[in-house]
Amino acid sequence: MDLQSEDAAVRTKAAEVLIEQGDASLLPRLDEIREVGSRAVRIAMKPVVDLLKNRANLASASPDTRRSAAADLAMGDAPRPFRF
């Protein structure tokens, strides 16, 4: 799985795998990759990171955070990585 690959198909597949796994523990590493990645990488990763953050926020101690995450998840379609 290589989100920084030069190959658009490889980046797209990597983003799809992350969406399917839904592992919020990857967020710090994904944020690091987004910071140094190309524009195409940042665009591909945004829906993945947003989804993982919202899913993680559903377990927050703050009712406002949980409500906001639930609203964001309910309003969005199933996240898909940007197709290159």
C-alpha atoms as a PDB file:
ATOM      1  CA  MET A   1       0.000   0.000   0.000  1.00  0.00           C
ATOM      2  CA  ASP A   2       1.723   3.183  -1.188  1.00  0.00           C
ATOM      3  CA  LEU A   3      -0.117   6.485  -0.938  1.00  0.00           C
ATOM      4  CA  GLN A   4       2.924   8.321  -2.252  1.00  0.00           C
ATOM      5  CA  SER A   5       3.382   6.246  -5.389  1.00  0.00           C
ATOM      6  CA  GLU A   6       3.857   7.997  -8.709  1.00  0.00           C
ATOM      7  CA  ASP A   7       1.249   5.601 -10.115  1.00  0.00           C
ATOM      8  CA  ALA A   8      -2.266   7.015  -9.696  1.00  0.00           C
ATOM      9  CA  ALA A   9      -3.843   3.561  -9.675  1.00  0.00           C
ATOM     10  CA  VAL A  10      -1.583   2.498  -6.798  1.00  0.00           C
ATOM     11  CA  ARG A  11      -2.482   5.637  -4.790  1.00  0.00           C
ATOM     12  CA  THR A  12      -6.182   5.104  -5.415  1.00  0.00           C
ATOM     13  CA  LYS A  13      -6.031   1.445  -4.371  1.00  0.00           C
ATOM     14  CA  ALA A  14      -4.109   2.354  -1.209  1.00  0.00           C
ATOM     15  CA  ALA A  15      -6.746   4.929  -0.273  1.00  0.00           C
ATOM     16  CA  GLU A  16      -9.525   2.396  -0.895  1.00  0.00           C
ATOM     17  CA  VAL A  17      -7.806  -0.126   1.401  1.00  0.00           C
ATOM     18  CA  LEU A  18      -7.553   2.478   4.163  1.00  0.00           C
ATOM     19  CA  ILE A  19     -11.249   3.314   3.822  1.00  0.00           C
ATOM     20  CA  GLU A  20     -12.151  -0.369   4.107  1.00  0.00           C
ATOM     21  CA  GLN A  21      -9.914  -0.914   7.145  1.00  0.00           C
ATOM     22  CA  GLY A  22     -11.124   2.169   8.989  1.00  0.00           C
ATOM     23  CA  ASP A  23      -8.171   2.133  11.411  1.00  0.00           C
ATOM     24  CA  ALA A  24      -7.984   5.478  13.266  1.00  0.00           C
ATOM     25  CA  SER A  25      -4.580   4.572  14.711  1.00  0.00           C
ATOM     26  CA  LEU A  26      -3.175   5.371  11.259  1.00  0.00           C
ATOM     27  CA  LEU A  27      -4.209   9.039  11.482  1.00  0.00           C
ATOM     28  CA  PRO A  28      -0.891  10.428  12.774  1.00  0.00           C
ATOM     29  CA  ARG A  29       1.034   8.715   9.978  1.00  0.00           C
ATOM     30  CA  LEU A  30      -1.534   9.750   7.373  1.00  0.00           C
ATOM     31  CA  ASP A  31      -1.278  13.365   8.541  1.00  0.00           C
ATOM     32  CA  GLU A  32       2.512  13.171   8.164  1.00  0.00           C
ATOM     33  CA  ILE A  33       2.163  11.815   4.639  1.00  0.00           C
ATOM     34  CA  ARG A  34      -0.317  14.554   3.744  1.00  0.00           C
ATOM     35  CA  GLU A  35       2.058  17.253   4.988  1.00  0.00           C
ATOM     36  CA  VAL A  36       4.901  16.156   2.723  1.00  0.00           C
ATOM     37  CA  GLY A  37       2.880  14.662  -0.119  1.00  0.00           C
ATOM     38  CA  SER A  38       2.126  16.155  -3.468  1.00  0.00           C
ATOM     39  CA  ARG A  39      -1.157  17.891  -4.175  1.00  0.00           C
ATOM     40  CA  ALA A  40      -2.474  14.703  -5.782  1.00  0.00           C
ATOM     41  CA  VAL A  41      -1.627  12.716  -2.645  1.00  0.00           C
ATOM     42  CA  ARG A  42      -3.331  15.287  -0.388  1.00  0.00           C
ATOM     43  CA  ILE A  43      -6.459  15.251  -2.543  1.00  0.00           C
ATOM     44  CA  ALA A  44      -6.575  11.451  -2.582  1.00  0.00           C
ATOM     45  CA  MET A  45      -6.115  11.211   1.165  1.00  0.00           C
ATOM     46  CA  LYS A  46      -8.588  13.872   2.305  1.00  0.00           C
ATOM     47  CA  PRO A  47     -11.730  11.704   2.233  1.00  0.00           C
ATOM     48  CA  VAL A  48      -9.865   8.878   3.952  1.00  0.00           C
ATOM     49  CA  VAL A  49      -8.562  11.080   6.754  1.00  0.00           C
ATOM     50  CA  ASP A  50     -11.920  12.830   7.202  1.00  0.00           C
ATOM     51  CA  LEU A  51     -13.733   9.504   7.469  1.00  0.00           C
ATOM     52  CA  LEU A  52     -11.269   8.054   9.979  1.00  0.00           C
ATOM     53  CA  LYS A  53     -11.351  11.205  12.117  1.00  0.00           C
ATOM     54  CA  ASN A  54     -15.144  11.286  12.152  1.00  0.00           C
ATOM     55  CA  ARG A  55     -15.378   7.601  13.041  1.00  0.00           C
ATOM     56  CA  ALA A  56     -12.880   8.114  15.876  1.00  0.00           C
ATOM     57  CA  ASN A  57     -14.784  11.166  17.108  1.00  0.00           C
ATOM     58  CA  LEU A  58     -17.938   9.089  17.547  1.00  0.00           C
ATOM     59  CA  ALA A  59     -16.280   7.693  20.689  1.00  0.00           C
ATOM     60  CA  SER A  60     -15.360  11.115  22.091  1.00  0.00           C
ATOM     61  CA  ALA A  61     -16.288  12.055  25.649  1.00  0.00           C
ATOM     62  CA  SER A  62     -17.658  15.337  24.312  1.00  0.00           C
ATOM     63  CA  PRO A  63     -21.303  15.191  23.194  1.00  0.00           C
ATOM     64  CA  ASP A  64     -20.686  18.091  20.801  1.00  0.00           C
ATOM     65  CA  THR A  65     -17.793  16.257  19.153  1.00  0.00           C
ATOM     66  CA  ARG A  66     -19.863  13.073  18.809  1.00  0.00           C
ATOM     67  CA  ARG A  67     -22.811  15.018  17.384  1.00  0.00           C
ATOM     68  CA  SER A  68     -20.601  16.837  14.879  1.00  0.00           C
ATOM     69  CA  ALA A  69     -18.954  13.588  13.766  1.00  0.00           C
ATOM     70  CA  ALA A  70     -22.318  11.862  13.372  1.00  0.00           C
ATOM     71  CA  ALA A  71     -23.661  14.776  11.330  1.00  0.00           C
ATOM     72  CA  ASP A  72     -20.593  14.801   9.085  1.00  0.00           C
ATOM     73  CA  LEU A  73     -20.839  11.053   8.533  1.00  0.00           C
ATOM     74  CA  ALA A  74     -24.583  11.215   7.857  1.00  0.00           C
ATOM     75  CA  MET A  75     -24.284  14.061   5.353  1.00  0.00           C
ATOM     76  CA  GLY A  76     -21.513  12.583   3.274  1.00  0.00           C
ATOM     77  CA  ASP A  77     -21.716   9.856   0.734  1.00  0.00           C
ATOM     78  CA  ALA A  78     -19.455   6.887   1.193  1.00  0.00           C
ATOM     79  CA  PRO A  79     -15.991   8.400   0.897  1.00  0.00           C
ATOM     80  CA  ARG A  80     -14.054   7.524  -2.184  1.00  0.00           C
ATOM     81  CA  PRO A  81     -10.540   8.538  -3.000  1.00  0.00           C
ATOM     82  CA  PHE A  82     -10.092  11.041  -5.757  1.00  0.00           C
ATOM     83  CA  ARG A  83      -9.602   9.312  -9.107  1.00  0.00           C
ATOM     84  CA  PHE A  84      -6.520  10.536 -10.911  1.00  0.00           C
END
